[in-house]
Protein backbone atom coordinates (compact mmCIF):
# COMPACT_ATOMS: atom_id res chain seq x y z
CA UNK A 1 168.47 212.50 74.28
CA UNK A 2 167.43 211.05 70.95
CA UNK A 3 168.93 207.98 69.32
CA UNK A 4 170.20 210.10 66.43
CA UNK A 5 172.14 212.25 68.92
CA UNK A 6 173.61 209.14 70.55
CA UNK A 7 174.76 207.74 67.21
CA UNK A 8 176.66 210.95 66.44
CA UNK A 9 178.77 210.72 69.61
CA UNK A 10 182.10 208.93 69.76
CA UNK A 11 182.61 205.98 72.08
CA UNK A 12 184.62 208.07 74.55
CA UNK A 13 181.88 210.71 74.60
CA UNK A 14 179.26 208.01 75.21
CA UNK A 15 181.20 206.65 78.18
CA UNK A 16 181.52 210.15 79.63
CA UNK A 17 177.86 210.90 78.98
CA UNK A 18 176.80 207.65 80.67
CA UNK A 19 178.74 208.65 83.78
CA UNK A 20 177.15 212.09 83.80
CA UNK A 21 173.66 210.67 83.39
CA UNK A 22 174.20 208.13 86.19
CA UNK A 23 175.31 210.94 88.51
CA UNK A 24 172.28 212.98 87.44
CA UNK A 25 169.99 210.01 88.18
CA UNK A 26 171.46 209.63 91.65
CA UNK A 27 170.88 213.33 92.36
CA UNK A 28 167.31 213.16 91.08
CA UNK A 29 166.52 210.10 93.20
CA UNK A 30 167.97 211.75 96.29
CA UNK A 31 166.06 214.98 95.66
CA UNK A 32 162.86 213.01 95.15
CA UNK A 33 163.39 211.06 98.37
CA UNK A 34 163.93 214.23 100.40
CA UNK A 35 161.03 216.14 98.91
CA UNK A 36 158.90 215.49 95.88
CA UNK A 37 160.48 216.88 92.72
CA UNK A 38 158.35 218.95 90.39
CA UNK A 39 158.33 216.38 87.56
CA UNK A 40 159.06 212.81 88.69
CA UNK A 41 158.91 211.60 85.07
CA UNK A 42 162.39 213.11 84.66
CA UNK A 43 163.72 210.12 86.60
CA UNK A 44 162.18 207.75 84.05
CA UNK A 45 163.57 209.81 81.16
CA UNK A 46 167.10 209.74 82.58
CA UNK A 47 166.88 205.98 83.16
CA UNK A 48 165.83 205.45 79.54
CA UNK A 49 168.65 207.70 78.30
CA UNK A 50 171.16 205.64 80.27
CA UNK A 51 169.73 202.45 78.76
CA UNK A 52 169.97 203.89 75.23
CA UNK A 53 173.58 204.90 75.77
CA UNK A 54 174.50 201.50 77.23
CA UNK A 55 172.78 199.73 74.32
CA UNK A 56 174.81 201.71 71.79
CA UNK A 57 178.02 201.02 73.70
CA UNK A 58 177.23 197.29 73.68
CA UNK A 59 176.56 197.38 69.93
CA UNK A 60 179.87 199.11 69.30
CA UNK A 61 181.80 196.65 71.46
CA UNK A 62 180.19 193.70 69.67
CA UNK A 63 181.02 195.24 66.28
CA UNK A 64 184.63 195.81 67.32
CA UNK A 65 184.95 192.25 68.63
CA UNK A 66 183.59 190.71 65.43
CA UNK A 67 186.09 192.56 63.23
């Protein structure tokens, strides 16, 4: 997920997307622990996506608090 895509989403959509990505990360980690997944770099990509989403949520909360 690109930053431009994240910026287009509403706050509610970001919260929902963060939950989905966290669930996806848990599934990927479990699948990788049981047997090696085809592309383990997907785990890193999902972690970075979660971080990007959380960063945008933090920015929006700070902007709302300063108003």
